[in-house]
Amino acid sequence: MASSKRVGYAVVGLGHIAEVAVLPAFRRSKKAKLIAVVSGNERKAERIAAKFGATDYYSYEDFALCLSHPKVEAVYIATNNSTHAEYSMRAARAGKHVLCEKPMASTVEDCQRMIEACRSSQVRLMIAYRKYFEPASLALKKLVTSGKLGRLKLMHSAFTIFLGPKAPAWHFDRRLSGGGSLGDVGVYCVNTARWLAGKEPLEASAAAWTVDTKRFTGVDENIAFRLTFPEGLVLQASSSFGAAKASFIHVHGEKGWAALDPAFAYDEERRLFGKVNDRWFEKKFKVMDEFALELDAFSECIRRKREPEPSGEEGLRDVAVMQAIAGWVCAEILACRSRTGPVAVAPSLPRHAGGIKPPLHQAVRPPAEKFHKPQIAQELQLLADFVADETTRCAVCCATPGDVSLGPHMYAVRDFEGRLIRLTEERWAHISEHPEMAGMRRAVEETLEGPEVVVQSFSDPEARLYYRFYHRTVVGGKYLCAVVKLRGDDAFVVTAYLTDQVKRGTVIWQRKP
């Protein structure tokens, strides 16, 4: 018989969503009890603990002490998106159940690690999608599965929020946010479409753009994307950090259509309406504490030793789809449209030595020109050694070789004699102080319209594909260019240089035989 005792929780991360929604929900929950809070600011943790009745509070540095607390049975992870995996895995290894905010993690690889950590420790893992317990969303799901709408053909969805001047800085950092608005709010559109369709998407395509280039220098302000499902069902969706708060999902079938608006907000009355067999319908749903419902559902799974839904696998699939969407955006930036196609959303998620396979590889279609090989082969081996070294850094953003969430990186530059030089963090710091790099930062801050971008692809029997791309920032009025080789699933930079001769679709450099 399942215990009726409430499950004790620690809430990790005390940002906006935790303070206004998660923590108040414990007062309305019937099966969860707040024991502790964890924050990077110990004073804030103390204040929040007193406000919401937590008996203990900890800093991030003392997270291990929190995990040793005998009354803490589960954690609610509400940190910035890039640290979901770290805190979830630490909690799982300490024997604590994990309820993690979405997106589950920044990469598929991190999602897999989270799932494995929870499985190995025999603890439950649930991703915090509220719609699985919220009446309006469940009513829409029931309508779709009943067949009253007929065979589904189209879905339209959007989730937009306006980040003002006081918004937390991590939202504007691609590495911390997990990909900007797509990872933070667009994930709702992705997960809801998959949930309603009952199938996995086959292809993804997208376009991203920024209007407010003064503020949005690290992430795209807006993104629109398309997912193609089996049997011809298509989702058209968008997300934004620069538009007024709104959220909706529209579902169109052969016999009727239905809409839920707002679809994802937790503090507004919802309206489900539409038309079936030429008859209008509408139903309103009052505001309720969806976070309390979520806490109760997960606590019930813990007490009854039942697998929760949505599971970690659901979160992983969403991240895989978002990586495919991001891959298309990267391909659109890097390649001429005539040489790109939709990114396949692979049902399996292969691993390789350098991390999860970036979806960009599937998006660039090479033509048939040839390259001279001997020097390239020698350089590629050198670059392979560079990438295998964890101290290597990207020339532009200082990312490590293991970071595939930001797309292609530049891990080497040439000296004045043409030799390849590996970039360490120390070298990167030196380069970053160079006047031209300072010019690059100024150019971003001064909100240039955005550089023209061109890629020319070349095939090669050994390399499979070469392509060159221009980083989306400007260095001293010139474009920073890299030539990349793909070998199997691994991408290596062949050369990097500056040019001011960019014209869209025009070849301006080619290695001669």
Protein backbone atom coordinates (compact mmCIF):
# COMPACT_ATOMS: atom_id res chain seq x y z
CA MET A 1 0.00 0.00 0.00
CA ALA A 2 1.34 3.44 -0.98
CA SER A 3 2.32 5.79 1.83
CA SER A 4 0.07 8.81 2.38
CA LYS A 5 2.99 10.85 3.72
CA ARG A 6 3.82 13.94 1.69
CA VAL A 7 7.00 13.84 -0.41
CA GLY A 8 9.66 16.29 0.78
CA TYR A 9 11.14 18.56 -1.90
CA ALA A 10 14.06 20.92 -2.36
CA VAL A 11 13.58 23.59 -5.04
CA VAL A 12 16.86 24.28 -6.84
CA GLY A 13 16.99 27.68 -8.53
CA LEU A 14 14.95 30.62 -7.26
CA GLY A 15 14.27 32.63 -10.41
CA HIS A 16 10.97 34.11 -11.54
CA ILE A 17 9.11 30.87 -12.28
CA ALA A 18 10.14 29.36 -8.94
CA GLU A 19 9.11 32.37 -6.88
CA VAL A 20 5.79 33.17 -8.57
CA ALA A 21 4.57 29.66 -9.42
CA VAL A 22 6.50 26.65 -8.12
CA LEU A 23 6.98 27.66 -4.49
CA PRO A 24 3.40 28.95 -3.97
CA ALA A 25 2.13 25.63 -5.37
CA PHE A 26 3.40 23.73 -2.33
CA ARG A 27 0.74 25.48 -0.22
CA ARG A 28 -1.98 24.02 -2.46
CA SER A 29 -0.38 20.64 -3.05
CA LYS A 30 -1.91 17.68 -1.26
CA LYS A 31 1.05 15.35 -1.67
CA ALA A 32 4.20 17.51 -1.73
CA LYS A 33 5.93 19.42 1.05
CA LEU A 34 8.61 22.10 0.72
CA ILE A 35 11.67 21.28 2.82
CA ALA A 36 14.51 23.34 1.37
CA VAL A 37 15.47 25.90 -1.26
CA VAL A 38 18.78 26.31 -3.11
CA SER A 39 20.10 29.48 -4.76
CA GLY A 40 23.30 31.10 -5.96
CA ASN A 41 22.46 33.97 -3.60
CA GLU A 42 22.40 32.78 0.00
CA ARG A 43 20.60 35.91 1.25
CA LYS A 44 17.91 35.38 -1.32
CA ALA A 45 17.66 31.72 -0.33
CA GLU A 46 17.17 32.73 3.31
CA ARG A 47 14.49 35.28 2.38
CA ILE A 48 12.62 32.85 0.10
CA ALA A 49 12.80 30.06 2.67
CA ALA A 50 11.19 32.30 5.28
CA LYS A 51 8.55 33.52 2.82
CA PHE A 52 7.41 30.05 1.74
CA GLY A 53 8.00 28.07 4.91
CA ALA A 54 11.04 26.01 3.93
CA THR A 55 12.88 24.73 6.98
CA ASP A 56 16.32 24.88 5.33
CA TYR A 57 18.14 26.88 2.67
CA TYR A 58 21.44 26.37 0.84
CA SER A 59 23.75 28.01 -1.68
CA TYR A 60 24.70 26.20 -4.88
CA GLU A 61 28.10 25.52 -3.31
CA ASP A 62 26.33 23.65 -0.50
CA PHE A 63 24.07 21.62 -2.79
CA ALA A 64 25.71 18.42 -1.53
CA LEU A 65 24.54 19.27 1.99
CA CYS A 66 21.02 19.74 0.69
CA LEU A 67 21.16 16.31 -0.95
CA SER A 68 22.19 14.76 2.37
CA HIS A 69 19.10 16.16 4.12
CA PRO A 70 17.07 13.11 5.25
CA LYS A 71 13.70 14.78 4.62
CA VAL A 72 14.52 15.81 1.04
CA GLU A 73 13.22 12.98 -1.14
CA ALA A 74 12.94 14.86 -4.44
CA VAL A 75 14.25 17.98 -6.14
CA TYR A 76 12.51 20.44 -8.43
CA ILE A 77 15.18 21.74 -10.84
CA ALA A 78 14.40 25.33 -11.88
CA THR A 79 17.90 26.64 -12.61
CA ASN A 80 18.90 28.19 -15.94
CA ASN A 81 18.51 25.71 -18.79
CA SER A 82 22.20 24.94 -19.24
CA THR A 83 22.56 23.55 -15.69
CA HIS A 84 19.50 21.27 -15.64
CA ALA A 85 21.64 18.23 -16.42
CA GLU A 86 24.29 18.95 -13.80
CA TYR A 87 21.91 19.37 -10.85
CA SER A 88 19.60 16.58 -11.99
CA MET A 89 22.43 14.06 -12.22
CA ARG A 90 23.89 15.09 -8.86
CA ALA A 91 20.49 14.67 -7.24
CA ALA A 92 19.89 11.29 -8.88
CA ARG A 93 23.26 9.97 -7.76
CA ALA A 94 22.35 11.02 -4.21
CA GLY A 95 19.17 8.95 -4.46
CA LYS A 96 16.75 11.87 -4.93
CA HIS A 97 13.88 11.84 -7.41
CA VAL A 98 14.03 14.55 -10.08
CA LEU A 99 11.31 16.86 -11.40
CA CYS A 100 13.04 19.04 -13.99
CA GLU A 101 11.83 22.16 -15.76
CA LYS A 102 11.79 22.20 -19.53
CA PRO A 103 13.77 22.13 -21.71
CA MET A 104 15.19 19.00 -20.14
CA ALA A 105 18.76 19.96 -21.10
CA SER A 106 20.76 21.79 -23.76
CA THR A 107 21.79 18.69 -25.72
CA VAL A 108 20.52 15.19 -26.42
CA GLU A 109 23.69 13.82 -24.87
CA ASP A 110 22.94 15.56 -21.57
CA CYS A 111 19.38 14.21 -21.67
CA GLN A 112 20.71 10.69 -22.12
CA ARG A 113 23.06 11.16 -19.17
CA MET A 114 20.20 12.37 -16.99
CA ILE A 115 18.07 9.37 -17.92
CA GLU A 116 20.92 6.96 -17.25
CA ALA A 117 21.77 8.59 -13.90
CA CYS A 118 18.16 8.27 -12.72
CA ARG A 119 17.85 4.72 -14.02
CA SER A 120 21.10 3.62 -12.37
CA SER A 121 20.02 5.12 -9.04
CA GLN A 122 16.47 3.78 -9.38
CA VAL A 123 14.86 7.18 -8.91
CA ARG A 124 11.99 8.77 -10.85
CA LEU A 125 12.54 11.44 -13.49
CA MET A 126 9.74 13.67 -14.79
CA ILE A 127 9.87 16.75 -17.04
CA ALA A 128 7.67 19.63 -15.93
CA TYR A 129 5.14 19.86 -18.76
CA ARG A 130 1.98 21.09 -17.03
CA LYS A 131 -0.46 20.30 -19.84
CA TYR A 132 -0.41 16.59 -18.97
CA PHE A 133 -2.45 17.50 -15.86
CA GLU A 134 -4.26 20.68 -16.91
CA PRO A 135 -7.98 20.27 -17.83
CA ALA A 136 -8.11 22.51 -20.94
CA SER A 137 -5.16 20.78 -22.62
CA LEU A 138 -6.55 17.37 -21.68
CA ALA A 139 -9.90 18.35 -23.23
CA LEU A 140 -8.14 19.27 -26.49
CA LYS A 141 -6.23 15.99 -26.45
CA LYS A 142 -9.47 14.07 -25.90
CA LEU A 143 -11.12 15.90 -28.80
CA VAL A 144 -8.23 15.07 -31.13
CA THR A 145 -8.03 11.40 -30.15
CA SER A 146 -11.82 10.99 -30.40
CA GLY A 147 -11.57 11.45 -34.15
CA LYS A 148 -14.19 14.23 -34.21
CA LEU A 149 -11.78 16.51 -36.06
CA GLY A 150 -11.04 13.80 -38.59
CA ARG A 151 -7.60 13.16 -39.99
CA LEU A 152 -5.27 15.95 -38.85
CA LYS A 153 -3.68 18.07 -41.57
CA LEU A 154 -2.34 21.26 -39.98
CA MET A 155 -1.29 22.63 -36.61
CA HIS A 156 -0.38 26.24 -35.85
CA SER A 157 1.24 27.29 -32.59
CA ALA A 158 3.15 30.17 -31.03
CA PHE A 159 4.55 31.19 -27.68
CA THR A 160 5.93 34.71 -27.36
CA ILE A 161 7.09 36.74 -24.38
CA PHE A 162 8.65 40.18 -24.20
CA LEU A 163 11.92 40.30 -22.30
CA GLY A 164 12.33 43.82 -20.99
CA PRO A 165 15.49 45.59 -19.80
CA LYS A 166 15.29 43.92 -16.38
CA ALA A 167 15.07 40.36 -17.73
CA PRO A 168 17.74 37.99 -16.33
CA ALA A 169 20.91 38.08 -18.42
CA TRP A 170 20.99 34.30 -18.95
CA HIS A 171 18.04 34.57 -21.35
CA PHE A 172 20.33 36.45 -23.76
CA ASP A 173 23.20 33.96 -23.51
CA ARG A 174 22.88 31.04 -25.94
CA ARG A 175 24.92 28.73 -23.77
CA LEU A 176 22.93 29.40 -20.60
CA SER A 177 19.46 29.59 -22.17
CA GLY A 178 19.89 26.44 -24.24
CA GLY A 179 19.18 28.21 -27.52
CA GLY A 180 17.15 31.35 -26.90
CA SER A 181 13.38 31.49 -27.27
CA LEU A 182 13.21 28.10 -29.02
CA GLY A 183 14.60 26.27 -26.00
CA ASP A 184 12.87 28.41 -23.40
CA VAL A 185 9.33 28.82 -24.79
CA GLY A 186 9.31 27.25 -28.27
CA VAL A 187 9.71 23.88 -26.58
CA TYR A 188 6.03 24.14 -25.52
CA CYS A 189 4.98 24.25 -29.18
CA VAL A 190 7.21 21.27 -30.02
CA ASN A 191 6.03 19.10 -27.14
CA THR A 192 2.35 19.94 -27.57
CA ALA A 193 2.44 19.15 -31.29
CA ARG A 194 4.11 15.78 -30.64
CA TRP A 195 1.63 15.04 -27.85
CA LEU A 196 -1.43 15.85 -29.95
CA ALA A 197 -0.12 14.12 -33.08
CA GLY A 198 0.83 10.98 -31.18
CA LYS A 199 3.71 10.62 -33.64
CA GLU A 200 7.28 11.80 -34.02
CA PRO A 201 8.19 14.44 -36.64
CA LEU A 202 10.20 13.36 -39.66
CA GLU A 203 11.66 16.68 -40.82
CA ALA A 204 12.35 20.13 -39.46
CA SER A 205 13.00 23.46 -41.13
CA ALA A 206 13.20 26.98 -39.72
CA ALA A 207 14.20 30.61 -40.04
CA ALA A 208 15.44 32.91 -37.29
CA TRP A 209 15.73 36.68 -37.29
CA THR A 210 16.49 39.55 -34.95
CA VAL A 211 15.03 43.06 -35.04
CA ASP A 212 16.36 44.47 -31.77
CA THR A 213 20.03 43.80 -32.49
CA LYS A 214 21.18 46.00 -29.61
CA ARG A 215 19.81 43.63 -26.99
CA PHE A 216 19.77 40.30 -28.80
CA THR A 217 23.45 39.76 -29.55
CA GLY A 218 23.80 36.26 -28.08
CA VAL A 219 20.51 34.66 -29.18
CA ASP A 220 18.00 35.13 -31.97
CA GLU A 221 15.04 37.31 -31.04
CA ASN A 222 12.52 35.31 -33.09
CA ILE A 223 12.29 31.91 -34.75
CA ALA A 224 9.66 30.34 -37.00
CA PHE A 225 9.82 26.61 -37.65
CA ARG A 226 8.01 23.81 -39.43
CA LEU A 227 7.76 20.16 -38.42
CA THR A 228 6.55 17.51 -40.85
CA PHE A 229 4.89 14.46 -39.27
CA PRO A 230 3.86 11.15 -40.86
CA GLU A 231 0.76 11.10 -43.07
CA GLY A 232 1.26 14.69 -44.18
CA LEU A 233 0.56 16.45 -40.87
CA VAL A 234 2.50 19.72 -40.59
CA LEU A 235 3.13 22.06 -37.65
CA GLN A 236 3.88 25.72 -38.33
CA ALA A 237 5.13 27.38 -35.14
CA SER A 238 7.03 30.37 -33.83
CA SER A 239 8.52 31.68 -30.62
CA SER A 240 9.94 35.04 -29.61
CA PHE A 241 11.63 36.93 -26.80
CA GLY A 242 10.67 40.25 -28.37
CA ALA A 243 6.88 40.12 -28.78
CA ALA A 244 4.06 40.61 -26.28
CA LYS A 245 3.03 37.60 -24.24
CA ALA A 246 0.80 35.24 -26.21
CA SER A 247 0.37 31.49 -26.66
CA PHE A 248 -1.95 29.33 -28.73
CA ILE A 249 -2.33 26.00 -30.51
CA HIS A 250 -4.69 25.50 -33.47
CA VAL A 251 -5.43 22.01 -34.81
CA HIS A 252 -7.06 21.53 -38.23
CA GLY A 253 -8.56 18.24 -39.39
CA GLU A 254 -10.74 17.07 -42.28
CA LYS A 255 -13.97 17.37 -40.25
CA GLY A 256 -13.24 20.39 -38.08
CA TRP A 257 -10.77 22.50 -36.18
CA ALA A 258 -10.06 23.45 -32.58
CA ALA A 259 -8.01 26.10 -30.84
CA LEU A 260 -6.72 26.55 -27.31
CA ASP A 261 -5.90 30.16 -26.44
CA PRO A 262 -4.00 30.85 -24.28
CA ALA A 263 -2.37 27.45 -24.53
CA PHE A 264 0.71 27.64 -22.31
CA ALA A 265 0.23 30.45 -19.78
CA TYR A 266 -0.34 29.28 -16.21
CA ASP A 267 -2.02 32.45 -14.89
CA GLU A 268 -4.82 33.07 -17.40
CA GLU A 269 -8.29 31.67 -18.06
CA ARG A 270 -8.15 29.29 -21.03
CA ARG A 271 -10.61 29.05 -23.89
CA LEU A 272 -11.09 25.95 -26.04
CA PHE A 273 -13.14 26.70 -29.13
CA GLY A 274 -13.60 25.64 -32.75
CA LYS A 275 -15.92 24.14 -35.29
CA VAL A 276 -16.82 20.49 -35.87
CA ASN A 277 -19.14 19.39 -38.68
CA ASP A 278 -20.10 23.05 -39.22
CA ARG A 279 -21.12 23.50 -35.57
CA TRP A 280 -19.34 26.01 -33.33
CA PHE A 281 -18.30 25.13 -29.79
CA GLU A 282 -16.59 26.96 -26.97
CA LYS A 283 -15.63 26.10 -23.41
CA LYS A 284 -13.82 28.20 -20.82
CA PHE A 285 -11.53 26.87 -18.11
CA LYS A 286 -10.86 28.81 -14.93
CA VAL A 287 -7.35 29.49 -13.69
CA MET A 288 -6.08 26.73 -11.42
CA ASP A 289 -2.75 25.91 -9.84
CA GLU A 290 -1.20 23.71 -12.53
CA PHE A 291 2.08 23.47 -10.63
CA ALA A 292 0.28 21.95 -7.63
CA LEU A 293 -1.31 19.38 -9.96
CA GLU A 294 2.14 18.62 -11.36
CA LEU A 295 3.68 18.22 -7.90
CA ASP A 296 0.86 15.92 -6.82
CA ALA A 297 1.19 13.78 -9.95
CA PHE A 298 4.93 13.31 -9.51
CA SER A 299 4.62 12.68 -5.77
CA GLU A 300 2.01 10.01 -6.50
CA CYS A 301 4.44 8.32 -8.91
CA ILE A 302 7.13 8.35 -6.22
CA ARG A 303 4.87 6.86 -3.55
CA ARG A 304 3.38 4.22 -5.87
CA LYS A 305 6.74 3.49 -7.53
CA ARG A 306 5.23 4.23 -10.92
CA GLU A 307 6.97 5.64 -14.00
CA PRO A 308 5.93 9.28 -14.47
CA GLU A 309 4.56 10.83 -17.62
CA PRO A 310 6.00 12.97 -19.16
CA SER A 311 9.18 10.94 -18.75
CA GLY A 312 12.78 11.77 -19.43
CA GLU A 313 12.44 10.13 -22.83
CA GLU A 314 9.77 12.70 -23.73
CA GLY A 315 12.12 15.52 -22.77
CA LEU A 316 14.93 13.94 -24.78
CA ARG A 317 12.77 13.71 -27.91
CA ASP A 318 11.88 17.39 -27.63
CA VAL A 319 15.54 18.34 -27.35
CA ALA A 320 16.35 16.16 -30.38
CA VAL A 321 13.67 17.96 -32.40
CA MET A 322 14.95 21.37 -31.25
CA GLN A 323 18.49 20.42 -32.24
CA ALA A 324 17.17 19.56 -35.69
CA ILE A 325 15.39 22.93 -35.86
CA ALA A 326 18.55 24.74 -34.74
CA GLY A 327 20.50 22.76 -37.32
CA TRP A 328 18.28 24.09 -40.08
CA VAL A 329 18.68 27.66 -38.85
CA CYS A 330 22.45 27.18 -38.84
CA ALA A 331 22.30 25.71 -42.35
CA GLU A 332 20.20 28.63 -43.58
CA ILE A 333 22.85 30.99 -42.27
CA LEU A 334 25.72 28.98 -43.67
CA ALA A 335 24.40 27.78 -47.01
CA CYS A 336 22.73 29.01 -50.17
CA ARG A 337 19.08 27.95 -50.06
CA SER A 338 19.41 25.94 -53.29
CA ARG A 339 21.87 23.67 -51.54
CA THR A 340 19.84 22.92 -48.42
CA GLY A 341 16.94 20.68 -47.56
CA PRO A 342 14.90 19.91 -44.45
CA VAL A 343 16.81 18.38 -41.58
CA ALA A 344 15.81 14.80 -40.88
CA VAL A 345 14.72 14.15 -37.29
CA ALA A 346 16.37 10.80 -36.81
CA PRO A 347 14.48 8.23 -34.70
CA SER A 348 17.81 7.01 -33.33
CA LEU A 349 20.33 9.39 -31.83
CA PRO A 350 23.85 8.18 -32.71
CA ARG A 351 26.85 9.08 -30.60
CA HIS A 352 30.39 9.78 -31.75
CA ALA A 353 33.68 10.75 -30.16
CA GLY A 354 33.02 14.47 -30.45
CA GLY A 355 29.51 14.42 -28.99
CA ILE A 356 26.01 14.09 -30.43
CA LYS A 357 25.78 14.25 -34.22
CA PRO A 358 24.98 17.87 -35.18
CA PRO A 359 21.93 18.00 -37.45
CA LEU A 360 23.68 20.49 -39.75
CA HIS A 361 25.46 17.59 -41.42
CA GLN A 362 22.17 16.38 -42.84
CA ALA A 363 21.18 19.79 -44.16
CA VAL A 364 23.95 20.69 -46.62
CA ARG A 365 23.87 19.03 -50.04
CA PRO A 366 27.29 19.14 -51.79
CA PRO A 367 27.93 19.63 -55.53
CA ALA A 368 30.65 17.74 -57.37
CA GLU A 369 33.89 19.79 -57.56
CA LYS A 370 37.20 18.27 -56.42
CA PHE A 371 39.81 19.38 -53.90
CA HIS A 372 43.54 18.84 -53.62
CA LYS A 373 44.02 16.30 -50.79
CA PRO A 374 47.56 15.80 -49.39
CA GLN A 375 47.89 19.07 -47.45
CA ILE A 376 44.28 18.86 -46.32
CA ALA A 377 44.74 15.33 -44.99
CA GLN A 378 47.78 16.45 -42.99
CA GLU A 379 45.96 19.46 -41.58
CA LEU A 380 42.89 17.42 -40.75
CA GLN A 381 44.94 15.06 -38.62
CA LEU A 382 46.36 18.06 -36.82
CA LEU A 383 42.89 19.49 -36.34
CA ALA A 384 41.62 16.14 -35.12
CA ASP A 385 44.29 16.29 -32.41
CA PHE A 386 43.20 19.84 -31.57
CA VAL A 387 39.56 18.83 -31.20
CA ALA A 388 40.47 15.84 -29.05
CA ASP A 389 42.10 18.20 -26.52
CA GLU A 390 39.59 19.54 -23.98
CA THR A 391 41.59 22.75 -23.54
CA THR A 392 40.95 23.81 -27.14
CA ARG A 393 38.65 26.81 -27.56
CA CYS A 394 36.63 28.29 -30.42
CA ALA A 395 38.29 31.39 -31.88
CA VAL A 396 35.06 33.37 -31.79
CA CYS A 397 33.08 32.29 -28.74
CA CYS A 398 35.55 30.27 -26.62
CA ALA A 399 33.35 27.14 -26.73
CA THR A 400 34.99 23.78 -26.04
CA PRO A 401 35.01 20.97 -28.64
CA GLY A 402 32.41 19.11 -26.58
CA ASP A 403 29.89 21.93 -26.95
CA VAL A 404 27.77 21.08 -30.00
CA SER A 405 24.78 23.18 -28.96
CA LEU A 406 26.07 26.34 -30.64
CA GLY A 407 26.73 24.90 -34.09
CA PRO A 408 30.10 24.84 -35.94
CA HIS A 409 33.07 26.38 -34.16
CA MET A 410 36.52 27.59 -35.14
CA TYR A 411 39.12 25.64 -33.18
CA ALA A 412 42.25 26.79 -35.07
CA VAL A 413 43.67 29.85 -36.80
CA ARG A 414 46.64 30.34 -39.12
CA ASP A 415 49.76 32.25 -38.18
CA PHE A 416 51.46 34.59 -40.66
CA GLU A 417 53.43 31.67 -42.12
CA GLY A 418 50.25 29.73 -42.81
CA ARG A 419 50.66 27.20 -40.01
CA LEU A 420 47.65 26.04 -38.03
CA ILE A 421 47.65 27.05 -34.38
CA ARG A 422 45.49 25.42 -31.74
CA LEU A 423 43.51 27.85 -29.61
CA THR A 424 43.70 27.38 -25.87
CA GLU A 425 41.77 29.50 -23.40
CA GLU A 426 44.94 31.56 -22.78
CA ARG A 427 45.45 32.14 -26.51
CA TRP A 428 41.78 32.91 -26.92
CA ALA A 429 42.03 35.56 -24.20
CA HIS A 430 44.99 37.08 -26.04
CA ILE A 431 43.15 37.05 -29.38
CA SER A 432 40.04 38.50 -27.78
CA GLU A 433 42.08 41.56 -26.79
CA HIS A 434 43.18 42.16 -30.38
CA PRO A 435 41.82 45.45 -31.80
CA GLU A 436 39.96 43.64 -34.59
CA MET A 437 38.18 41.38 -32.11
CA ALA A 438 37.30 44.46 -30.08
CA GLY A 439 35.96 45.88 -33.32
CA MET A 440 33.83 42.78 -33.72
CA ARG A 441 32.28 43.30 -30.32
CA ARG A 442 31.67 46.96 -31.06
CA ALA A 443 30.05 46.05 -34.35
CA VAL A 444 27.64 43.77 -32.55
CA GLU A 445 26.88 46.40 -29.96
CA GLU A 446 26.31 49.00 -32.65
CA THR A 447 23.67 46.68 -34.15
CA LEU A 448 24.77 46.27 -37.71
CA GLU A 449 22.09 45.09 -40.09
CA GLY A 450 23.82 41.71 -40.25
CA PRO A 451 26.41 40.40 -42.69
CA GLU A 452 25.73 38.79 -46.02
CA VAL A 453 26.47 35.10 -45.75
CA VAL A 454 27.76 32.71 -48.38
CA VAL A 455 28.78 29.08 -48.43
CA GLN A 456 30.24 27.11 -51.30
CA SER A 457 30.31 23.35 -50.87
CA PHE A 458 32.72 20.88 -52.49
CA SER A 459 32.66 17.09 -52.55
CA ASP A 460 35.68 14.85 -52.01
CA PRO A 461 35.89 11.02 -51.90
CA GLU A 462 37.62 11.05 -48.51
CA ALA A 463 36.16 14.15 -46.92
CA ARG A 464 32.57 13.65 -48.10
CA LEU A 465 32.03 17.39 -47.93
CA TYR A 466 33.76 20.68 -47.50
CA TYR A 467 31.89 23.85 -46.76
CA ARG A 468 32.89 27.30 -45.69
CA PHE A 469 30.92 29.65 -43.56
CA TYR A 470 31.10 33.19 -42.31
CA HIS A 471 30.62 33.70 -38.61
CA ARG A 472 27.63 35.96 -37.96
CA THR A 473 29.76 38.69 -36.51
CA VAL A 474 31.95 41.24 -38.22
CA VAL A 475 35.64 41.72 -37.40
CA GLY A 476 36.97 45.17 -38.21
CA GLY A 477 34.56 45.50 -41.12
CA LYS A 478 35.52 42.07 -42.50
CA TYR A 479 33.84 38.70 -42.28
CA LEU A 480 35.48 35.97 -40.28
CA CYS A 481 35.46 32.92 -42.52
CA ALA A 482 36.11 29.25 -41.79
CA VAL A 483 36.49 26.31 -44.12
CA VAL A 484 35.23 23.14 -42.47
CA LYS A 485 35.64 19.50 -43.39
CA LEU A 486 33.24 16.78 -42.33
CA ARG A 487 34.72 13.35 -41.77
CA GLY A 488 32.06 10.90 -40.80
CA ASP A 489 30.17 12.62 -38.01
CA ASP A 490 33.03 14.95 -37.01
CA ALA A 491 33.54 18.51 -38.24
CA PHE A 492 37.00 20.07 -38.41
CA VAL A 493 38.05 23.53 -39.52
CA VAL A 494 40.49 23.46 -42.43
CA THR A 495 41.27 27.15 -42.45
CA ALA A 496 40.00 30.45 -41.12
CA TYR A 497 40.55 33.92 -42.49
CA LEU A 498 39.15 37.42 -42.86
CA THR A 499 37.58 38.74 -46.04
CA ASP A 500 35.60 41.76 -47.12
CA GLN A 501 34.65 40.38 -50.54
CA VAL A 502 31.49 38.59 -49.55
CA LYS A 503 28.68 38.44 -52.07
CA ARG A 504 25.83 36.01 -51.57
CA GLY A 505 26.26 32.87 -53.65
CA THR A 506 29.68 33.86 -55.03
CA VAL A 507 32.79 31.71 -54.63
CA ILE A 508 35.60 33.96 -53.38
CA TRP A 509 38.14 31.39 -52.26
CA GLN A 510 39.05 27.89 -53.29
CA ARG A 511 41.98 25.66 -52.47
CA LYS A 512 43.85 25.07 -55.74
CA PRO A 513 45.21 21.64 -56.79
